[in-house]
Amino acid sequence: MNYDKPLLAGLLGALSTLISEIVTQLLVVLGIGKYSIYELDSLLVTLNRSSIFIGFIVNVIAGGTIAVLFYYAIGKLGRDYLVYKGLAVGLLSWGVFELILTATIEGHFFDIRPMADYYTHLVATSVYGILLGLLFDKYLFTASLKD
């Protein structure tokens, strides 16, 4: 069972991206943001045409990879305060992905987004990180699954 934990961590990370996408879709429908997380991430592949399906693939890969890295980092950082650590991971990933998008394609292949869009994605990645911490605490580090 110990060797299945990184796989489970990746699956929990992929699941967490779905919830963050729901949050951004809601904020886009309310007129607060311009792009959802999946639409924005699809622009890394398509450059100027957003696609929720392609964004889903990109985001699940990224979210799963971040979750696996977070799982291994927990070995060094400890298992306490997973929600706070998850939030930190979410905020760090937001910063990294915003830097990548801004440096590579934003303004070159599509118009610069309004500031509200950055805050929309900040909220969504915070939800991703908090949910990741909660899911890790519940499914990876419960009494029945401890090493």
C-alpha atoms as a PDB file:
ATOM      1  CA  MET A   1       0.000   0.000   0.000  1.00  0.00           C
ATOM      2  CA  ASN A   2       2.943   2.342   0.604  1.00  0.00           C
ATOM      3  CA  TYR A   3       3.831   2.377  -3.103  1.00  0.00           C
ATOM      4  CA  ASP A   4       0.294   3.382  -4.092  1.00  0.00           C
ATOM      5  CA  LYS A   5       0.455   6.638  -2.144  1.00  0.00           C
ATOM      6  CA  PRO A   6       2.176   8.738  -4.851  1.00  0.00           C
ATOM      7  CA  LEU A   7      -0.444   7.561  -7.350  1.00  0.00           C
ATOM      8  CA  LEU A   8      -3.216   8.436  -4.911  1.00  0.00           C
ATOM      9  CA  ALA A   9      -1.581  11.831  -4.332  1.00  0.00           C
ATOM     10  CA  GLY A  10      -1.625  12.484  -8.081  1.00  0.00           C
ATOM     11  CA  LEU A  11      -5.275  11.484  -8.316  1.00  0.00           C
ATOM     12  CA  LEU A  12      -6.176  13.759  -5.406  1.00  0.00           C
ATOM     13  CA  GLY A  13      -4.331  16.592  -7.131  1.00  0.00           C
ATOM     14  CA  ALA A  14      -6.258  15.951 -10.352  1.00  0.00           C
ATOM     15  CA  LEU A  15      -9.539  15.907  -8.414  1.00  0.00           C
ATOM     16  CA  SER A  16      -8.653  19.182  -6.725  1.00  0.00           C
ATOM     17  CA  THR A  17      -8.228  20.861 -10.121  1.00  0.00           C
ATOM     18  CA  LEU A  18     -11.848  20.031 -10.934  1.00  0.00           C
ATOM     19  CA  ILE A  19     -13.077  21.942  -7.897  1.00  0.00           C
ATOM     20  CA  SER A  20     -10.851  24.925  -8.672  1.00  0.00           C
ATOM     21  CA  GLU A  21     -12.224  24.934 -12.232  1.00  0.00           C
ATOM     22  CA  ILE A  22     -15.772  25.011 -10.877  1.00  0.00           C
ATOM     23  CA  VAL A  23     -14.814  28.034  -8.768  1.00  0.00           C
ATOM     24  CA  THR A  24     -13.335  29.886 -11.750  1.00  0.00           C
ATOM     25  CA  GLN A  25     -16.279  28.987 -13.998  1.00  0.00           C
ATOM     26  CA  LEU A  26     -18.605  30.444 -11.373  1.00  0.00           C
ATOM     27  CA  LEU A  27     -16.526  33.620 -11.141  1.00  0.00           C
ATOM     28  CA  VAL A  28     -16.438  33.929 -14.946  1.00  0.00           C
ATOM     29  CA  VAL A  29     -20.228  33.512 -15.132  1.00  0.00           C
ATOM     30  CA  LEU A  30     -20.584  36.230 -12.485  1.00  0.00           C
ATOM     31  CA  GLY A  31     -18.463  38.509 -14.687  1.00  0.00           C
ATOM     32  CA  ILE A  32     -15.505  38.728 -12.331  1.00  0.00           C
ATOM     33  CA  GLY A  33     -12.974  36.885 -14.492  1.00  0.00           C
ATOM     34  CA  LYS A  34     -12.376  36.526 -18.219  1.00  0.00           C
ATOM     35  CA  TYR A  35     -10.903  33.008 -18.429  1.00  0.00           C
ATOM     36  CA  SER A  36     -11.388  29.928 -16.297  1.00  0.00           C
ATOM     37  CA  ILE A  37      -8.328  27.993 -15.148  1.00  0.00           C
ATOM     38  CA  TYR A  38      -8.795  25.336 -17.834  1.00  0.00           C
ATOM     39  CA  GLU A  39      -9.284  27.927 -20.581  1.00  0.00           C
ATOM     40  CA  LEU A  40      -6.171  29.808 -19.538  1.00  0.00           C
ATOM     41  CA  ASP A  41      -4.028  26.674 -19.282  1.00  0.00           C
ATOM     42  CA  SER A  42      -5.177  25.532 -22.725  1.00  0.00           C
ATOM     43  CA  LEU A  43      -3.615  28.688 -24.143  1.00  0.00           C
ATOM     44  CA  LEU A  44      -0.195  27.229 -23.269  1.00  0.00           C
ATOM     45  CA  VAL A  45      -0.871  24.624 -25.960  1.00  0.00           C
ATOM     46  CA  THR A  46      -3.114  26.410 -28.467  1.00  0.00           C
ATOM     47  CA  LEU A  47      -1.582  29.887 -27.968  1.00  0.00           C
ATOM     48  CA  ASN A  48      -4.660  31.908 -28.946  1.00  0.00           C
ATOM     49  CA  ARG A  49      -7.727  29.625 -28.850  1.00  0.00           C
ATOM     50  CA  SER A  50      -9.014  28.554 -25.464  1.00  0.00           C
ATOM     51  CA  SER A  51     -10.405  25.042 -25.014  1.00  0.00           C
ATOM     52  CA  ILE A  52     -11.776  23.636 -21.783  1.00  0.00           C
ATOM     53  CA  PHE A  53     -10.935  20.043 -22.793  1.00  0.00           C
ATOM     54  CA  ILE A  54      -7.289  20.783 -23.624  1.00  0.00           C
ATOM     55  CA  GLY A  55      -7.065  22.892 -20.487  1.00  0.00           C
ATOM     56  CA  PHE A  56      -8.458  19.966 -18.493  1.00  0.00           C
ATOM     57  CA  ILE A  57      -5.650  17.739 -19.754  1.00  0.00           C
ATOM     58  CA  VAL A  58      -2.954  20.352 -19.065  1.00  0.00           C
ATOM     59  CA  ASN A  59      -4.334  21.165 -15.621  1.00  0.00           C
ATOM     60  CA  VAL A  60      -4.778  17.542 -14.532  1.00  0.00           C
ATOM     61  CA  ILE A  61      -1.168  16.823 -15.495  1.00  0.00           C
ATOM     62  CA  ALA A  62       0.085  19.936 -13.699  1.00  0.00           C
ATOM     63  CA  GLY A  63      -2.170  19.461 -10.656  1.00  0.00           C
ATOM     64  CA  GLY A  64      -1.250  15.793 -10.339  1.00  0.00           C
ATOM     65  CA  THR A  65       2.464  16.545 -10.648  1.00  0.00           C
ATOM     66  CA  ILE A  66       2.256  19.316  -8.050  1.00  0.00           C
ATOM     67  CA  ALA A  67       0.389  16.958  -5.714  1.00  0.00           C
ATOM     68  CA  VAL A  68       3.028  14.224  -6.067  1.00  0.00           C
ATOM     69  CA  LEU A  69       5.801  16.756  -5.384  1.00  0.00           C
ATOM     70  CA  PHE A  70       3.814  17.977  -2.370  1.00  0.00           C
ATOM     71  CA  TYR A  71       3.470  14.381  -1.138  1.00  0.00           C
ATOM     72  CA  TYR A  72       7.244  13.880  -1.242  1.00  0.00           C
ATOM     73  CA  ALA A  73       7.853  17.297   0.343  1.00  0.00           C
ATOM     74  CA  ILE A  74       5.625  16.279   3.250  1.00  0.00           C
ATOM     75  CA  GLY A  75       8.220  13.610   4.031  1.00  0.00           C
ATOM     76  CA  LYS A  76      10.683  16.419   4.767  1.00  0.00           C
ATOM     77  CA  LEU A  77       8.255  19.011   6.144  1.00  0.00           C
ATOM     78  CA  GLY A  78       6.130  16.751   8.331  1.00  0.00           C
ATOM     79  CA  ARG A  79       2.448  15.853   8.327  1.00  0.00           C
ATOM     80  CA  ASP A  80       1.146  18.570  10.608  1.00  0.00           C
ATOM     81  CA  TYR A  81      -0.775  21.618   9.294  1.00  0.00           C
ATOM     82  CA  LEU A  82      -1.465  20.034   5.907  1.00  0.00           C
ATOM     83  CA  VAL A  83      -4.166  22.564   5.041  1.00  0.00           C
ATOM     84  CA  TYR A  84      -1.770  25.488   5.536  1.00  0.00           C
ATOM     85  CA  LYS A  85       0.960  23.703   3.628  1.00  0.00           C
ATOM     86  CA  GLY A  86      -1.510  22.894   0.857  1.00  0.00           C
ATOM     87  CA  LEU A  87      -2.526  26.549   0.696  1.00  0.00           C
ATOM     88  CA  ALA A  88       1.144  27.507   0.392  1.00  0.00           C
ATOM     89  CA  VAL A  89       1.570  24.983  -2.434  1.00  0.00           C
ATOM     90  CA  GLY A  90      -1.473  26.409  -4.215  1.00  0.00           C
ATOM     91  CA  LEU A  91      -0.231  29.982  -3.909  1.00  0.00           C
ATOM     92  CA  LEU A  92       3.269  29.011  -5.030  1.00  0.00           C
ATOM     93  CA  SER A  93       1.894  27.170  -8.062  1.00  0.00           C
ATOM     94  CA  TRP A  94      -0.258  30.217  -8.906  1.00  0.00           C
ATOM     95  CA  GLY A  95       2.830  32.417  -8.926  1.00  0.00           C
ATOM     96  CA  VAL A  96       4.837  30.016 -11.055  1.00  0.00           C
ATOM     97  CA  PHE A  97       2.096  29.480 -13.635  1.00  0.00           C
ATOM     98  CA  GLU A  98       1.257  33.198 -13.841  1.00  0.00           C
ATOM     99  CA  LEU A  99       4.934  33.965 -14.474  1.00  0.00           C
ATOM    100  CA  ILE A 100       5.062  31.316 -17.195  1.00  0.00           C
ATOM    101  CA  LEU A 101       1.898  32.603 -18.871  1.00  0.00           C
ATOM    102  CA  THR A 102       2.873  36.247 -18.618  1.00  0.00           C
ATOM    103  CA  ALA A 103       6.409  35.701 -19.880  1.00  0.00           C
ATOM    104  CA  THR A 104       5.536  33.426 -22.784  1.00  0.00           C
ATOM    105  CA  ILE A 105       2.128  34.032 -24.325  1.00  0.00           C
ATOM    106  CA  GLU A 106       0.099  36.764 -22.635  1.00  0.00           C
ATOM    107  CA  GLY A 107       0.186  39.951 -24.682  1.00  0.00           C
ATOM    108  CA  HIS A 108       1.809  38.130 -27.612  1.00  0.00           C
ATOM    109  CA  PHE A 109      -0.897  35.665 -28.636  1.00  0.00           C
ATOM    110  CA  PHE A 110      -3.899  37.024 -26.735  1.00  0.00           C
ATOM    111  CA  ASP A 111      -4.758  40.316 -25.075  1.00  0.00           C
ATOM    112  CA  ILE A 112      -3.527  41.115 -21.588  1.00  0.00           C
ATOM    113  CA  ARG A 113      -6.116  40.023 -19.063  1.00  0.00           C
ATOM    114  CA  PRO A 114      -7.866  42.369 -16.637  1.00  0.00           C
ATOM    115  CA  MET A 115      -6.553  42.422 -13.053  1.00  0.00           C
ATOM    116  CA  ALA A 116      -9.708  40.704 -11.791  1.00  0.00           C
ATOM    117  CA  ASP A 117      -8.687  37.626 -13.761  1.00  0.00           C
ATOM    118  CA  TYR A 118      -5.481  37.306 -11.751  1.00  0.00           C
ATOM    119  CA  TYR A 119      -7.461  37.453  -8.510  1.00  0.00           C
ATOM    120  CA  THR A 120      -9.934  34.902  -9.855  1.00  0.00           C
ATOM    121  CA  HIS A 121      -7.106  32.452 -10.444  1.00  0.00           C
ATOM    122  CA  LEU A 122      -5.537  33.301  -7.098  1.00  0.00           C
ATOM    123  CA  VAL A 123      -8.796  32.316  -5.387  1.00  0.00           C
ATOM    124  CA  ALA A 124      -9.016  29.119  -7.447  1.00  0.00           C
ATOM    125  CA  THR A 125      -5.466  28.004  -6.694  1.00  0.00           C
ATOM    126  CA  SER A 126      -6.072  28.750  -3.019  1.00  0.00           C
ATOM    127  CA  VAL A 127      -9.100  26.452  -3.177  1.00  0.00           C
ATOM    128  CA  TYR A 128      -6.925  23.852  -4.940  1.00  0.00           C
ATOM    129  CA  GLY A 129      -4.281  24.010  -2.200  1.00  0.00           C
ATOM    130  CA  ILE A 130      -6.717  23.942   0.717  1.00  0.00           C
ATOM    131  CA  LEU A 131      -8.633  21.039  -0.802  1.00  0.00           C
ATOM    132  CA  LEU A 132      -5.371  19.221  -1.493  1.00  0.00           C
ATOM    133  CA  GLY A 133      -4.365  19.567   2.160  1.00  0.00           C
ATOM    134  CA  LEU A 134      -7.774  18.340   3.340  1.00  0.00           C
ATOM    135  CA  LEU A 135      -7.768  15.374   0.955  1.00  0.00           C
ATOM    136  CA  PHE A 136      -4.205  14.422   1.874  1.00  0.00           C
ATOM    137  CA  ASP A 137      -5.127  14.518   5.547  1.00  0.00           C
ATOM    138  CA  LYS A 138      -8.237  12.396   4.969  1.00  0.00           C
ATOM    139  CA  TYR A 139      -7.021   9.835   2.420  1.00  0.00           C
ATOM    140  CA  LEU A 140      -3.218   9.664   2.602  1.00  0.00           C
ATOM    141  CA  PHE A 141      -2.430  10.132   6.253  1.00  0.00           C
ATOM    142  CA  THR A 142      -5.326   8.554   8.123  1.00  0.00           C
ATOM    143  CA  ALA A 143      -4.715   6.014  10.893  1.00  0.00           C
ATOM    144  CA  SER A 144      -5.533   3.048   8.642  1.00  0.00           C
ATOM    145  CA  LEU A 145      -3.052   4.097   5.937  1.00  0.00           C
ATOM    146  CA  LYS A 146      -0.106   5.276   8.037  1.00  0.00           C
ATOM    147  CA  ASP A 147       3.269   3.781   7.170  1.00  0.00           C
END
